[in-house]
Amino acid sequence: MATCPLAPGYYYISTREHQFVGVSQSAVAVNGTKMRFHITKNGTSPNCTYEITFGSNFAQDDHGEVAIGHYHQQWEIKQWGQVYTVQLKGTNRAWTDPQGPPSPHRQLYLDELNAALPWQQFWFTKA
């Protein structure tokens, strides 16, 4: 596992199956649309945290679902081989893909982290 694996900047996020994660209204969803997210590093090794923004809004926990809003939230992005997990700082809950065909309703949600599960593994590709 790498520490602080991502340099600050713009990234496209996709699932392990290379389906793009985007924003549908205020939901962070696997909608198949290539959208840029900005990653900002807030910590230092080995406990590096990030903020993930889309435009002027932040990725945040909205009652267990991943949404975009005005609340600053910190995430631990950890590298596992070539893929990453995105974990809510201070918890054991991570971004989880409900799977299925790309759709604006395929919203990411938070579930207990198990980095071996492909539906919790994401690609971050420099935009």
N, C-alpha and C. Protein backbone atom coordinates (compact mmCIF):
# COMPACT_ATOMS: atom_id res chain seq x y z
N MET A 1 0.84 -1.18 0.00
CA MET A 1 0.00 0.00 0.00
C MET A 1 0.89 1.24 0.00
N ALA A 2 0.58 2.16 -0.90
CA ALA A 2 1.34 3.40 -0.99
C ALA A 2 0.73 4.44 -0.06
N THR A 3 1.53 5.41 0.33
CA THR A 3 1.00 6.51 1.13
C THR A 3 0.95 7.74 0.24
N CYS A 4 -0.08 8.55 0.42
CA CYS A 4 -0.29 9.75 -0.39
C CYS A 4 -0.04 9.47 -1.87
N PRO A 5 -0.77 8.52 -2.45
CA PRO A 5 -0.45 8.07 -3.80
C PRO A 5 -0.79 9.06 -4.90
N LEU A 6 -1.70 9.99 -4.66
CA LEU A 6 -2.14 10.89 -5.73
C LEU A 6 -1.59 12.29 -5.53
N ALA A 7 -1.04 12.84 -6.60
CA ALA A 7 -0.63 14.24 -6.58
C ALA A 7 -1.89 15.09 -6.75
N PRO A 8 -1.91 16.30 -6.19
CA PRO A 8 -3.07 17.16 -6.39
C PRO A 8 -3.30 17.41 -7.88
N GLY A 9 -4.56 17.53 -8.26
CA GLY A 9 -4.88 17.81 -9.65
C GLY A 9 -6.22 17.24 -10.05
N TYR A 10 -6.49 17.29 -11.35
CA TYR A 10 -7.75 16.79 -11.90
C TYR A 10 -7.62 15.34 -12.31
N TYR A 11 -8.66 14.57 -12.01
CA TYR A 11 -8.68 13.14 -12.32
C TYR A 11 -10.06 12.72 -12.84
N TYR A 12 -10.04 11.72 -13.71
CA TYR A 12 -11.25 10.99 -14.05
C TYR A 12 -11.28 9.78 -13.13
N ILE A 13 -12.45 9.47 -12.59
CA ILE A 13 -12.60 8.32 -11.70
C ILE A 13 -13.47 7.30 -12.41
N SER A 14 -13.05 6.05 -12.38
CA SER A 14 -13.85 4.99 -12.98
C SER A 14 -13.82 3.75 -12.09
N THR A 15 -14.78 2.87 -12.32
CA THR A 15 -14.87 1.63 -11.55
C THR A 15 -13.78 0.68 -12.01
N ARG A 16 -13.65 -0.42 -11.31
CA ARG A 16 -12.69 -1.46 -11.68
C ARG A 16 -12.94 -1.94 -13.12
N GLU A 17 -14.20 -1.88 -13.57
CA GLU A 17 -14.57 -2.30 -14.93
C GLU A 17 -14.48 -1.15 -15.93
N HIS A 18 -13.85 -0.04 -15.53
CA HIS A 18 -13.62 1.13 -16.39
C HIS A 18 -14.90 1.83 -16.81
N GLN A 19 -15.91 1.85 -15.95
CA GLN A 19 -17.12 2.63 -16.18
C GLN A 19 -16.97 3.94 -15.41
N PHE A 20 -17.19 5.05 -16.10
CA PHE A 20 -16.90 6.36 -15.50
C PHE A 20 -17.87 6.75 -14.39
N VAL A 21 -17.29 7.37 -13.37
CA VAL A 21 -18.04 7.94 -12.26
C VAL A 21 -18.21 9.43 -12.56
N GLY A 22 -19.43 9.91 -12.40
CA GLY A 22 -19.71 11.32 -12.64
C GLY A 22 -20.70 11.84 -11.62
N VAL A 23 -21.30 12.97 -11.95
CA VAL A 23 -22.28 13.58 -11.07
C VAL A 23 -23.61 13.68 -11.81
N SER A 24 -24.65 13.16 -11.19
CA SER A 24 -26.02 13.25 -11.71
C SER A 24 -26.84 13.99 -10.67
N GLN A 25 -27.21 15.23 -10.99
CA GLN A 25 -27.80 16.16 -10.03
C GLN A 25 -26.81 16.29 -8.88
N SER A 26 -27.11 15.83 -7.68
CA SER A 26 -26.13 15.95 -6.59
C SER A 26 -25.53 14.60 -6.22
N ALA A 27 -25.85 13.55 -6.96
CA ALA A 27 -25.36 12.20 -6.65
C ALA A 27 -24.05 11.91 -7.37
N VAL A 28 -23.11 11.29 -6.67
CA VAL A 28 -21.91 10.75 -7.31
C VAL A 28 -22.31 9.35 -7.76
N ALA A 29 -22.37 9.16 -9.08
CA ALA A 29 -22.94 7.94 -9.64
C ALA A 29 -22.09 7.39 -10.77
N VAL A 30 -22.20 6.10 -11.00
CA VAL A 30 -21.56 5.45 -12.15
C VAL A 30 -22.53 5.66 -13.31
N ASN A 31 -22.42 6.85 -13.93
CA ASN A 31 -23.35 7.21 -14.99
C ASN A 31 -22.73 7.07 -16.38
N GLY A 32 -21.47 6.64 -16.45
CA GLY A 32 -20.81 6.44 -17.73
C GLY A 32 -20.32 7.71 -18.39
N THR A 33 -20.47 8.86 -17.72
CA THR A 33 -20.05 10.14 -18.28
C THR A 33 -18.69 10.52 -17.70
N LYS A 34 -17.76 10.83 -18.58
CA LYS A 34 -16.40 11.19 -18.18
C LYS A 34 -16.41 12.62 -17.63
N MET A 35 -16.22 12.77 -16.31
CA MET A 35 -16.22 14.07 -15.65
C MET A 35 -14.97 14.21 -14.79
N ARG A 36 -14.44 15.44 -14.75
CA ARG A 36 -13.22 15.68 -13.97
C ARG A 36 -13.55 16.02 -12.52
N PHE A 37 -12.84 15.35 -11.63
CA PHE A 37 -12.89 15.67 -10.20
C PHE A 37 -11.54 16.25 -9.82
N HIS A 38 -11.54 17.21 -8.90
CA HIS A 38 -10.28 17.78 -8.43
C HIS A 38 -9.93 17.16 -7.08
N ILE A 39 -8.69 16.70 -6.98
CA ILE A 39 -8.19 16.06 -5.76
C ILE A 39 -7.19 17.02 -5.11
N THR A 40 -7.42 17.32 -3.83
CA THR A 40 -6.52 18.18 -3.06
C THR A 40 -6.01 17.40 -1.86
N LYS A 41 -4.70 17.36 -1.70
CA LYS A 41 -4.09 16.65 -0.58
C LYS A 41 -4.10 17.55 0.65
N ASN A 42 -4.54 17.00 1.80
CA ASN A 42 -4.62 17.78 3.03
C ASN A 42 -3.67 17.31 4.11
N GLY A 43 -3.13 16.13 3.98
CA GLY A 43 -2.28 15.59 5.04
C GLY A 43 -0.91 15.25 4.52
N THR A 44 -0.14 14.62 5.38
CA THR A 44 1.19 14.17 5.01
C THR A 44 1.31 12.69 5.33
N SER A 45 2.29 12.04 4.73
CA SER A 45 2.51 10.61 4.97
C SER A 45 2.70 10.37 6.46
N PRO A 46 2.24 9.25 7.00
CA PRO A 46 1.52 8.17 6.33
C PRO A 46 0.00 8.32 6.40
N ASN A 47 -0.50 9.40 6.99
CA ASN A 47 -1.95 9.56 7.17
C ASN A 47 -2.51 10.62 6.23
N CYS A 48 -2.26 10.47 4.97
CA CYS A 48 -2.66 11.48 4.00
C CYS A 48 -4.16 11.46 3.75
N THR A 49 -4.75 12.63 3.76
CA THR A 49 -6.16 12.76 3.46
C THR A 49 -6.34 13.71 2.28
N TYR A 50 -7.49 13.59 1.66
CA TYR A 50 -7.79 14.37 0.47
C TYR A 50 -9.18 14.97 0.57
N GLU A 51 -9.39 16.06 -0.17
CA GLU A 51 -10.72 16.55 -0.46
C GLU A 51 -10.96 16.29 -1.94
N ILE A 52 -12.16 15.88 -2.27
CA ILE A 52 -12.53 15.60 -3.65
C ILE A 52 -13.62 16.60 -4.02
N THR A 53 -13.36 17.41 -5.05
CA THR A 53 -14.34 18.43 -5.44
C THR A 53 -14.78 18.23 -6.88
N PHE A 54 -15.98 18.73 -7.14
CA PHE A 54 -16.54 18.79 -8.48
C PHE A 54 -17.07 20.20 -8.62
N GLY A 55 -16.41 21.00 -9.45
CA GLY A 55 -16.74 22.41 -9.49
C GLY A 55 -16.40 23.03 -8.15
N SER A 56 -17.34 23.77 -7.57
CA SER A 56 -17.08 24.39 -6.27
C SER A 56 -17.65 23.58 -5.11
N ASN A 57 -18.13 22.37 -5.39
CA ASN A 57 -18.73 21.53 -4.36
C ASN A 57 -17.85 20.33 -4.01
N PHE A 58 -18.15 19.71 -2.89
CA PHE A 58 -17.32 18.65 -2.33
C PHE A 58 -18.02 17.30 -2.34
N ALA A 59 -17.25 16.23 -2.54
CA ALA A 59 -17.77 14.88 -2.33
C ALA A 59 -17.99 14.72 -0.84
N GLN A 60 -19.16 14.22 -0.45
CA GLN A 60 -19.49 14.11 0.97
C GLN A 60 -20.43 12.95 1.22
N ASP A 61 -20.46 12.54 2.48
CA ASP A 61 -21.38 11.50 2.95
C ASP A 61 -22.74 12.15 3.17
N ASP A 62 -23.75 11.65 2.48
CA ASP A 62 -25.12 12.13 2.65
C ASP A 62 -25.98 10.96 3.11
N HIS A 63 -25.97 10.70 4.42
CA HIS A 63 -26.74 9.60 5.01
C HIS A 63 -26.39 8.26 4.37
N GLY A 64 -25.08 8.04 4.18
CA GLY A 64 -24.61 6.76 3.66
C GLY A 64 -24.45 6.69 2.16
N GLU A 65 -24.85 7.74 1.46
CA GLU A 65 -24.65 7.81 0.01
C GLU A 65 -23.61 8.88 -0.28
N VAL A 66 -22.89 8.71 -1.40
CA VAL A 66 -21.87 9.68 -1.78
C VAL A 66 -22.54 10.73 -2.66
N ALA A 67 -22.43 11.98 -2.25
CA ALA A 67 -23.10 13.08 -2.94
C ALA A 67 -22.13 14.25 -3.10
N ILE A 68 -22.57 15.25 -3.83
CA ILE A 68 -21.83 16.49 -4.01
C ILE A 68 -22.60 17.58 -3.27
N GLY A 69 -21.89 18.35 -2.45
CA GLY A 69 -22.55 19.41 -1.69
C GLY A 69 -21.53 20.41 -1.17
N HIS A 70 -21.94 21.24 -0.24
CA HIS A 70 -21.11 22.34 0.25
C HIS A 70 -20.26 21.99 1.45
N TYR A 71 -20.45 20.82 2.03
CA TYR A 71 -19.76 20.42 3.25
C TYR A 71 -18.38 19.85 2.94
N HIS A 72 -17.34 20.43 3.54
CA HIS A 72 -15.98 19.92 3.38
C HIS A 72 -15.86 18.57 4.08
N GLN A 73 -15.47 17.55 3.35
CA GLN A 73 -15.32 16.22 3.94
C GLN A 73 -13.96 15.68 3.51
N GLN A 74 -13.30 14.96 4.39
CA GLN A 74 -11.99 14.41 4.06
C GLN A 74 -12.09 12.92 3.81
N TRP A 75 -11.28 12.47 2.84
CA TRP A 75 -11.28 11.08 2.41
C TRP A 75 -9.86 10.55 2.43
N GLU A 76 -9.70 9.29 2.78
CA GLU A 76 -8.41 8.61 2.68
C GLU A 76 -8.44 7.81 1.39
N ILE A 77 -7.56 8.17 0.47
CA ILE A 77 -7.47 7.46 -0.80
C ILE A 77 -6.23 6.58 -0.70
N LYS A 78 -6.45 5.28 -0.75
CA LYS A 78 -5.35 4.32 -0.59
C LYS A 78 -5.18 3.50 -1.86
N GLN A 79 -3.93 3.30 -2.20
CA GLN A 79 -3.60 2.55 -3.40
C GLN A 79 -3.39 1.08 -3.07
N TRP A 80 -4.00 0.21 -3.87
CA TRP A 80 -3.89 -1.24 -3.75
C TRP A 80 -3.51 -1.76 -5.14
N GLY A 81 -2.22 -1.94 -5.38
CA GLY A 81 -1.78 -2.28 -6.73
C GLY A 81 -2.00 -1.07 -7.62
N GLN A 82 -2.80 -1.24 -8.67
CA GLN A 82 -3.07 -0.12 -9.58
C GLN A 82 -4.42 0.55 -9.32
N VAL A 83 -5.19 0.04 -8.39
CA VAL A 83 -6.51 0.61 -8.09
C VAL A 83 -6.49 1.26 -6.71
N TYR A 84 -7.57 2.00 -6.42
CA TYR A 84 -7.64 2.77 -5.19
C TYR A 84 -8.96 2.50 -4.46
N THR A 85 -8.93 2.67 -3.15
CA THR A 85 -10.15 2.73 -2.37
C THR A 85 -10.29 4.15 -1.84
N VAL A 86 -11.54 4.57 -1.61
CA VAL A 86 -11.83 5.90 -1.09
C VAL A 86 -12.63 5.72 0.19
N GLN A 87 -11.99 6.03 1.31
CA GLN A 87 -12.56 5.76 2.63
C GLN A 87 -12.84 7.07 3.35
N LEU A 88 -14.01 7.18 3.96
CA LEU A 88 -14.35 8.36 4.74
C LEU A 88 -13.40 8.43 5.94
N LYS A 89 -12.70 9.54 6.07
CA LYS A 89 -11.70 9.68 7.14
C LYS A 89 -12.34 9.44 8.51
N GLY A 90 -11.63 8.64 9.32
CA GLY A 90 -12.07 8.38 10.68
C GLY A 90 -13.11 7.27 10.79
N THR A 91 -13.41 6.61 9.67
CA THR A 91 -14.39 5.52 9.67
C THR A 91 -13.81 4.32 8.92
N ASN A 92 -14.54 3.25 8.89
CA ASN A 92 -14.18 2.08 8.08
C ASN A 92 -15.14 1.95 6.90
N ARG A 93 -15.74 3.08 6.48
CA ARG A 93 -16.71 3.07 5.39
C ARG A 93 -16.08 3.65 4.14
N ALA A 94 -16.29 2.95 3.02
CA ALA A 94 -15.64 3.32 1.77
C ALA A 94 -16.65 3.39 0.63
N TRP A 95 -16.25 4.13 -0.42
CA TRP A 95 -17.07 4.20 -1.63
C TRP A 95 -17.35 2.78 -2.12
N THR A 96 -18.59 2.53 -2.47
CA THR A 96 -19.01 1.22 -2.95
C THR A 96 -19.93 1.41 -4.14
N ASP A 97 -19.67 0.65 -5.20
CA ASP A 97 -20.46 0.70 -6.43
C ASP A 97 -21.59 -0.32 -6.33
N PRO A 98 -22.86 0.09 -6.52
CA PRO A 98 -23.94 -0.88 -6.46
C PRO A 98 -23.97 -1.83 -7.65
N GLN A 99 -23.17 -1.57 -8.66
CA GLN A 99 -23.04 -2.39 -9.87
C GLN A 99 -24.28 -2.30 -10.75
N GLY A 100 -24.16 -2.84 -11.95
CA GLY A 100 -25.23 -2.77 -12.94
C GLY A 100 -24.82 -1.88 -14.10
N PRO A 101 -25.74 -1.62 -15.02
CA PRO A 101 -25.41 -0.76 -16.16
C PRO A 101 -25.26 0.70 -15.70
N PRO A 102 -24.41 1.49 -16.40
CA PRO A 102 -24.28 2.90 -16.05
C PRO A 102 -25.64 3.60 -16.07
N SER A 103 -25.86 4.43 -15.06
CA SER A 103 -27.15 5.11 -14.93
C SER A 103 -27.00 6.26 -13.95
N PRO A 104 -27.77 7.34 -14.12
CA PRO A 104 -27.73 8.41 -13.13
C PRO A 104 -28.21 7.96 -11.76
N HIS A 105 -28.89 6.82 -11.71
CA HIS A 105 -29.42 6.30 -10.43
C HIS A 105 -28.47 5.30 -9.77
N ARG A 106 -27.34 5.03 -10.40
CA ARG A 106 -26.36 4.07 -9.84
C ARG A 106 -25.41 4.83 -8.90
N GLN A 107 -25.96 5.36 -7.83
CA GLN A 107 -25.22 6.21 -6.90
C GLN A 107 -24.29 5.39 -6.01
N LEU A 108 -23.08 5.89 -5.85
CA LEU A 108 -22.14 5.26 -4.93
C LEU A 108 -22.66 5.41 -3.51
N TYR A 109 -22.38 4.42 -2.68
CA TYR A 109 -22.77 4.47 -1.28
C TYR A 109 -21.59 4.05 -0.43
N LEU A 110 -21.70 4.24 0.88
CA LEU A 110 -20.63 3.89 1.80
C LEU A 110 -20.95 2.57 2.48
N ASP A 111 -19.96 1.67 2.48
CA ASP A 111 -20.10 0.38 3.13
C ASP A 111 -18.77 0.04 3.79
N GLU A 112 -18.78 -0.95 4.67
CA GLU A 112 -17.56 -1.35 5.37
C GLU A 112 -16.48 -1.70 4.35
N LEU A 113 -15.29 -1.14 4.56
CA LEU A 113 -14.18 -1.33 3.63
C LEU A 113 -13.68 -2.77 3.64
N ASN A 114 -13.59 -3.32 2.44
CA ASN A 114 -12.91 -4.59 2.19
C ASN A 114 -12.23 -4.40 0.85
N ALA A 115 -10.95 -4.02 0.86
CA ALA A 115 -10.24 -3.63 -0.35
C ALA A 115 -10.17 -4.73 -1.40
N ALA A 116 -10.44 -5.98 -1.02
CA ALA A 116 -10.41 -7.08 -1.98
C ALA A 116 -11.66 -7.11 -2.86
N LEU A 117 -12.70 -6.39 -2.47
CA LEU A 117 -13.95 -6.39 -3.24
C LEU A 117 -13.82 -5.49 -4.46
N PRO A 118 -14.04 -6.01 -5.67
CA PRO A 118 -13.89 -5.18 -6.87
C PRO A 118 -14.84 -3.99 -6.92
N TRP A 119 -15.99 -4.07 -6.25
CA TRP A 119 -16.93 -2.94 -6.29
C TRP A 119 -16.52 -1.82 -5.35
N GLN A 120 -15.39 -1.98 -4.64
CA GLN A 120 -14.83 -0.88 -3.85
C GLN A 120 -13.50 -0.41 -4.43
N GLN A 121 -13.17 -0.85 -5.62
CA GLN A 121 -11.91 -0.49 -6.26
C GLN A 121 -12.18 0.46 -7.43
N PHE A 122 -11.39 1.54 -7.47
CA PHE A 122 -11.59 2.57 -8.48
C PHE A 122 -10.25 2.94 -9.12
N TRP A 123 -10.33 3.37 -10.37
CA TRP A 123 -9.19 3.91 -11.09
C TRP A 123 -9.24 5.43 -10.99
N PHE A 124 -8.10 6.05 -10.78
CA PHE A 124 -7.96 7.50 -10.84
C PHE A 124 -6.98 7.78 -11.97
N THR A 125 -7.46 8.41 -13.03
CA THR A 125 -6.64 8.69 -14.22
C THR A 125 -6.49 10.19 -14.35
N LYS A 126 -5.25 10.66 -14.46
CA LYS A 126 -4.97 12.09 -14.58
C LYS A 126 -5.71 12.65 -15.79
N ALA A 127 -6.41 13.76 -15.58
CA ALA A 127 -7.19 14.39 -16.66
C ALA A 127 -6.29 15.29 -17.49
